[in-house]
Amino acid sequence: MDDATQAITLNPGYVKGYYRRGAAYLGLVKYKSALNDFQTAVQMAPKDKDALSKRDECQKAFRAEMFSKAIESYVHCGLWAAVCR
C-alpha cells in the first residue's frame, strides 16, 4: 500500500496506483478507502474493466457492511425488542 501511495504522490495521474492501493485496502477490509481509490481509478479510466469490476465489488461490500452495522446498532439499542412486542 505504501508503494502505491508513493506512486500516487509522485504522479497523481497514475491510474494503476489508485487501483493497487484500492486492492490493498479491499484486502484489509477498509471498504470506504478502497471505494474512494477505485472510484478515482474509474474516473480516470472509465473503460477499465478491472477497475469497474473492483469498484462494483467494493460498493457491494461497503453497502453490506453499512447495513450490518445499522442492524447491529438497531438491535443493540433495544429498538428491536420494542418492534417485536
N, C-alpha and C. Protein backbone atom coordinates (compact mmCIF):
# COMPACT_ATOMS: atom_id res chain seq x y z
N MET A 1 0.83 -1.18 0.00
CA MET A 1 0.00 0.00 0.00
C MET A 1 0.88 1.25 0.00
N ASP A 2 1.96 1.21 0.74
CA ASP A 2 2.85 2.36 0.80
C ASP A 2 3.44 2.68 -0.57
N ASP A 3 3.79 1.64 -1.32
CA ASP A 3 4.33 1.86 -2.66
C ASP A 3 3.31 2.53 -3.57
N ALA A 4 2.07 2.10 -3.48
CA ALA A 4 1.01 2.70 -4.31
C ALA A 4 0.78 4.15 -3.91
N THR A 5 0.78 4.43 -2.61
CA THR A 5 0.60 5.80 -2.14
C THR A 5 1.76 6.68 -2.62
N GLN A 6 2.96 6.16 -2.55
CA GLN A 6 4.11 6.92 -3.02
C GLN A 6 4.02 7.17 -4.53
N ALA A 7 3.58 6.16 -5.28
CA ALA A 7 3.42 6.33 -6.72
C ALA A 7 2.39 7.41 -7.04
N ILE A 8 1.30 7.44 -6.29
CA ILE A 8 0.26 8.45 -6.48
C ILE A 8 0.79 9.83 -6.13
N THR A 9 1.58 9.90 -5.07
CA THR A 9 2.16 11.18 -4.67
C THR A 9 3.09 11.71 -5.76
N LEU A 10 3.89 10.83 -6.34
CA LEU A 10 4.81 11.24 -7.40
C LEU A 10 4.10 11.56 -8.71
N ASN A 11 3.02 10.82 -8.96
CA ASN A 11 2.28 11.02 -10.21
C ASN A 11 0.79 10.82 -9.94
N PRO A 12 0.08 11.90 -9.59
CA PRO A 12 -1.35 11.78 -9.27
C PRO A 12 -2.21 11.25 -10.43
N GLY A 13 -1.68 11.20 -11.62
CA GLY A 13 -2.43 10.67 -12.76
C GLY A 13 -2.18 9.19 -13.02
N TYR A 14 -1.46 8.53 -12.13
CA TYR A 14 -1.11 7.12 -12.30
C TYR A 14 -2.28 6.24 -11.84
N VAL A 15 -3.07 5.81 -12.79
CA VAL A 15 -4.29 5.05 -12.50
C VAL A 15 -3.98 3.76 -11.75
N LYS A 16 -2.93 3.06 -12.16
CA LYS A 16 -2.59 1.80 -11.50
C LYS A 16 -2.31 1.97 -10.01
N GLY A 17 -1.79 3.13 -9.65
CA GLY A 17 -1.52 3.39 -8.23
C GLY A 17 -2.80 3.36 -7.42
N TYR A 18 -3.84 4.00 -7.96
CA TYR A 18 -5.14 4.02 -7.26
C TYR A 18 -5.75 2.61 -7.24
N TYR A 19 -5.61 1.89 -8.35
CA TYR A 19 -6.15 0.53 -8.41
C TYR A 19 -5.45 -0.37 -7.38
N ARG A 20 -4.13 -0.29 -7.36
CA ARG A 20 -3.37 -1.16 -6.45
C ARG A 20 -3.60 -0.80 -4.98
N ARG A 21 -3.67 0.49 -4.68
CA ARG A 21 -3.94 0.87 -3.30
C ARG A 21 -5.36 0.47 -2.91
N GLY A 22 -6.31 0.63 -3.85
CA GLY A 22 -7.68 0.19 -3.59
C GLY A 22 -7.75 -1.30 -3.31
N ALA A 23 -6.98 -2.07 -4.08
CA ALA A 23 -6.95 -3.52 -3.87
C ALA A 23 -6.37 -3.86 -2.49
N ALA A 24 -5.37 -3.10 -2.08
CA ALA A 24 -4.78 -3.33 -0.75
C ALA A 24 -5.80 -3.00 0.34
N TYR A 25 -6.47 -1.87 0.20
CA TYR A 25 -7.50 -1.51 1.18
C TYR A 25 -8.62 -2.55 1.21
N LEU A 26 -9.01 -3.02 0.04
CA LEU A 26 -10.06 -4.03 -0.03
C LEU A 26 -9.65 -5.28 0.72
N GLY A 27 -8.40 -5.69 0.55
CA GLY A 27 -7.88 -6.86 1.25
C GLY A 27 -7.83 -6.67 2.76
N LEU A 28 -7.70 -5.40 3.18
CA LEU A 28 -7.67 -5.09 4.61
C LEU A 28 -9.07 -4.78 5.16
N VAL A 29 -10.08 -4.96 4.34
CA VAL A 29 -11.48 -4.73 4.69
C VAL A 29 -11.71 -3.26 5.07
N LYS A 30 -11.02 -2.37 4.39
CA LYS A 30 -11.22 -0.93 4.56
C LYS A 30 -11.98 -0.45 3.33
N TYR A 31 -13.27 -0.78 3.32
CA TYR A 31 -14.08 -0.59 2.13
C TYR A 31 -14.22 0.86 1.69
N LYS A 32 -14.36 1.77 2.63
CA LYS A 32 -14.55 3.17 2.26
C LYS A 32 -13.31 3.72 1.54
N SER A 33 -12.14 3.43 2.07
CA SER A 33 -10.90 3.87 1.43
C SER A 33 -10.71 3.19 0.08
N ALA A 34 -11.01 1.91 0.03
CA ALA A 34 -10.89 1.17 -1.23
C ALA A 34 -11.84 1.75 -2.28
N LEU A 35 -13.06 2.02 -1.86
CA LEU A 35 -14.05 2.56 -2.79
C LEU A 35 -13.61 3.91 -3.33
N ASN A 36 -13.04 4.76 -2.49
CA ASN A 36 -12.54 6.06 -2.95
C ASN A 36 -11.48 5.88 -4.03
N ASP A 37 -10.55 4.95 -3.82
CA ASP A 37 -9.49 4.73 -4.80
C ASP A 37 -10.03 4.12 -6.09
N PHE A 38 -10.94 3.16 -5.98
CA PHE A 38 -11.49 2.56 -7.20
C PHE A 38 -12.33 3.57 -7.98
N GLN A 39 -13.05 4.43 -7.27
CA GLN A 39 -13.83 5.46 -7.96
C GLN A 39 -12.91 6.44 -8.69
N THR A 40 -11.80 6.79 -8.07
CA THR A 40 -10.83 7.66 -8.73
C THR A 40 -10.27 6.98 -9.96
N ALA A 41 -9.92 5.70 -9.85
CA ALA A 41 -9.39 4.96 -11.00
C ALA A 41 -10.41 4.92 -12.14
N VAL A 42 -11.68 4.71 -11.80
CA VAL A 42 -12.73 4.65 -12.83
C VAL A 42 -12.94 6.02 -13.47
N GLN A 43 -12.86 7.07 -12.68
CA GLN A 43 -12.98 8.42 -13.25
C GLN A 43 -11.86 8.71 -14.23
N MET A 44 -10.68 8.22 -13.91
CA MET A 44 -9.52 8.46 -14.77
C MET A 44 -9.50 7.54 -15.98
N ALA A 45 -10.03 6.34 -15.83
CA ALA A 45 -10.04 5.35 -16.91
C ALA A 45 -11.40 4.66 -16.94
N PRO A 46 -12.43 5.34 -17.46
CA PRO A 46 -13.80 4.82 -17.38
C PRO A 46 -14.05 3.52 -18.14
N LYS A 47 -13.15 3.12 -19.00
CA LYS A 47 -13.35 1.87 -19.75
C LYS A 47 -12.53 0.72 -19.19
N ASP A 48 -11.84 0.94 -18.09
CA ASP A 48 -11.01 -0.10 -17.47
C ASP A 48 -11.93 -1.11 -16.79
N LYS A 49 -12.05 -2.28 -17.39
CA LYS A 49 -12.97 -3.30 -16.88
C LYS A 49 -12.60 -3.79 -15.48
N ASP A 50 -11.31 -3.91 -15.21
CA ASP A 50 -10.88 -4.37 -13.89
C ASP A 50 -11.26 -3.36 -12.81
N ALA A 51 -11.01 -2.08 -13.09
CA ALA A 51 -11.35 -1.03 -12.12
C ALA A 51 -12.86 -0.96 -11.91
N LEU A 52 -13.62 -1.07 -12.98
CA LEU A 52 -15.09 -1.07 -12.86
C LEU A 52 -15.57 -2.25 -12.02
N SER A 53 -15.01 -3.41 -12.28
CA SER A 53 -15.40 -4.61 -11.55
C SER A 53 -15.07 -4.50 -10.07
N LYS A 54 -13.87 -4.03 -9.75
CA LYS A 54 -13.47 -3.89 -8.36
C LYS A 54 -14.29 -2.81 -7.65
N ARG A 55 -14.59 -1.72 -8.37
CA ARG A 55 -15.43 -0.68 -7.77
C ARG A 55 -16.79 -1.24 -7.41
N ASP A 56 -17.38 -2.00 -8.33
CA ASP A 56 -18.70 -2.59 -8.07
C ASP A 56 -18.65 -3.58 -6.91
N GLU A 57 -17.62 -4.41 -6.90
CA GLU A 57 -17.43 -5.37 -5.80
C GLU A 57 -17.31 -4.64 -4.46
N CYS A 58 -16.54 -3.58 -4.48
CA CYS A 58 -16.30 -2.81 -3.26
C CYS A 58 -17.57 -2.10 -2.80
N GLN A 59 -18.35 -1.56 -3.75
CA GLN A 59 -19.61 -0.91 -3.39
C GLN A 59 -20.55 -1.89 -2.70
N LYS A 60 -20.64 -3.08 -3.22
CA LYS A 60 -21.50 -4.10 -2.61
C LYS A 60 -21.03 -4.45 -1.19
N ALA A 61 -19.72 -4.63 -1.04
CA ALA A 61 -19.18 -4.97 0.28
C ALA A 61 -19.39 -3.81 1.26
N PHE A 62 -19.19 -2.58 0.80
CA PHE A 62 -19.37 -1.41 1.66
C PHE A 62 -20.82 -1.27 2.08
N ARG A 63 -21.75 -1.46 1.15
CA ARG A 63 -23.18 -1.38 1.49
C ARG A 63 -23.57 -2.47 2.48
N ALA A 64 -23.05 -3.68 2.26
CA ALA A 64 -23.36 -4.78 3.17
C ALA A 64 -22.82 -4.49 4.57
N GLU A 65 -21.62 -3.92 4.63
CA GLU A 65 -21.05 -3.57 5.93
C GLU A 65 -21.89 -2.49 6.63
N MET A 66 -22.30 -1.47 5.90
CA MET A 66 -23.11 -0.40 6.48
C MET A 66 -24.47 -0.93 6.94
N PHE A 67 -25.07 -1.81 6.16
CA PHE A 67 -26.34 -2.43 6.53
C PHE A 67 -26.18 -3.24 7.81
N SER A 68 -25.12 -4.02 7.87
CA SER A 68 -24.86 -4.85 9.04
C SER A 68 -24.66 -4.00 10.29
N LYS A 69 -23.92 -2.90 10.15
CA LYS A 69 -23.71 -2.00 11.29
C LYS A 69 -25.02 -1.35 11.72
N ALA A 70 -25.86 -1.00 10.76
CA ALA A 70 -27.14 -0.38 11.09
C ALA A 70 -28.03 -1.37 11.85
N ILE A 71 -28.07 -2.60 11.39
CA ILE A 71 -28.87 -3.63 12.06
C ILE A 71 -28.32 -3.88 13.46
N GLU A 72 -27.00 -3.96 13.56
CA GLU A 72 -26.36 -4.21 14.85
C GLU A 72 -26.69 -3.10 15.85
N SER A 73 -26.63 -1.86 15.41
CA SER A 73 -26.94 -0.76 16.33
C SER A 73 -28.42 -0.74 16.67
N TYR A 74 -29.26 -1.12 15.73
CA TYR A 74 -30.70 -1.20 15.95
C TYR A 74 -31.01 -2.23 17.03
N VAL A 75 -30.41 -3.38 16.90
CA VAL A 75 -30.63 -4.47 17.87
C VAL A 75 -29.97 -4.11 19.20
N HIS A 76 -28.78 -3.56 19.14
CA HIS A 76 -28.02 -3.25 20.34
C HIS A 76 -28.70 -2.16 21.18
N CYS A 77 -29.39 -1.25 20.55
CA CYS A 77 -30.05 -0.15 21.27
C CYS A 77 -31.38 -0.58 21.89
N GLY A 78 -31.79 -1.78 21.64
CA GLY A 78 -33.04 -2.26 22.21
C GLY A 78 -34.27 -1.93 21.37
N LEU A 79 -34.04 -1.30 20.23
CA LEU A 79 -35.17 -0.96 19.38
C LEU A 79 -35.84 -2.20 18.81
N TRP A 80 -35.05 -3.23 18.59
CA TRP A 80 -35.60 -4.46 18.03
C TRP A 80 -36.64 -5.06 18.97
N ALA A 81 -36.36 -5.04 20.25
CA ALA A 81 -37.29 -5.59 21.23
C ALA A 81 -38.59 -4.82 21.24
N ALA A 82 -38.52 -3.51 21.09
CA ALA A 82 -39.73 -2.70 21.07
C ALA A 82 -40.58 -2.99 19.85
N VAL A 83 -39.94 -3.28 18.73
CA VAL A 83 -40.68 -3.57 17.49
C VAL A 83 -41.32 -4.96 17.56
N CYS A 84 -40.66 -5.88 18.23
CA CYS A 84 -41.14 -7.26 18.27
C CYS A 84 -42.26 -7.48 19.28
N ARG A 85 -42.60 -6.54 20.05
CA ARG A 85 -43.65 -6.72 21.07
C ARG A 85 -45.02 -6.76 20.47
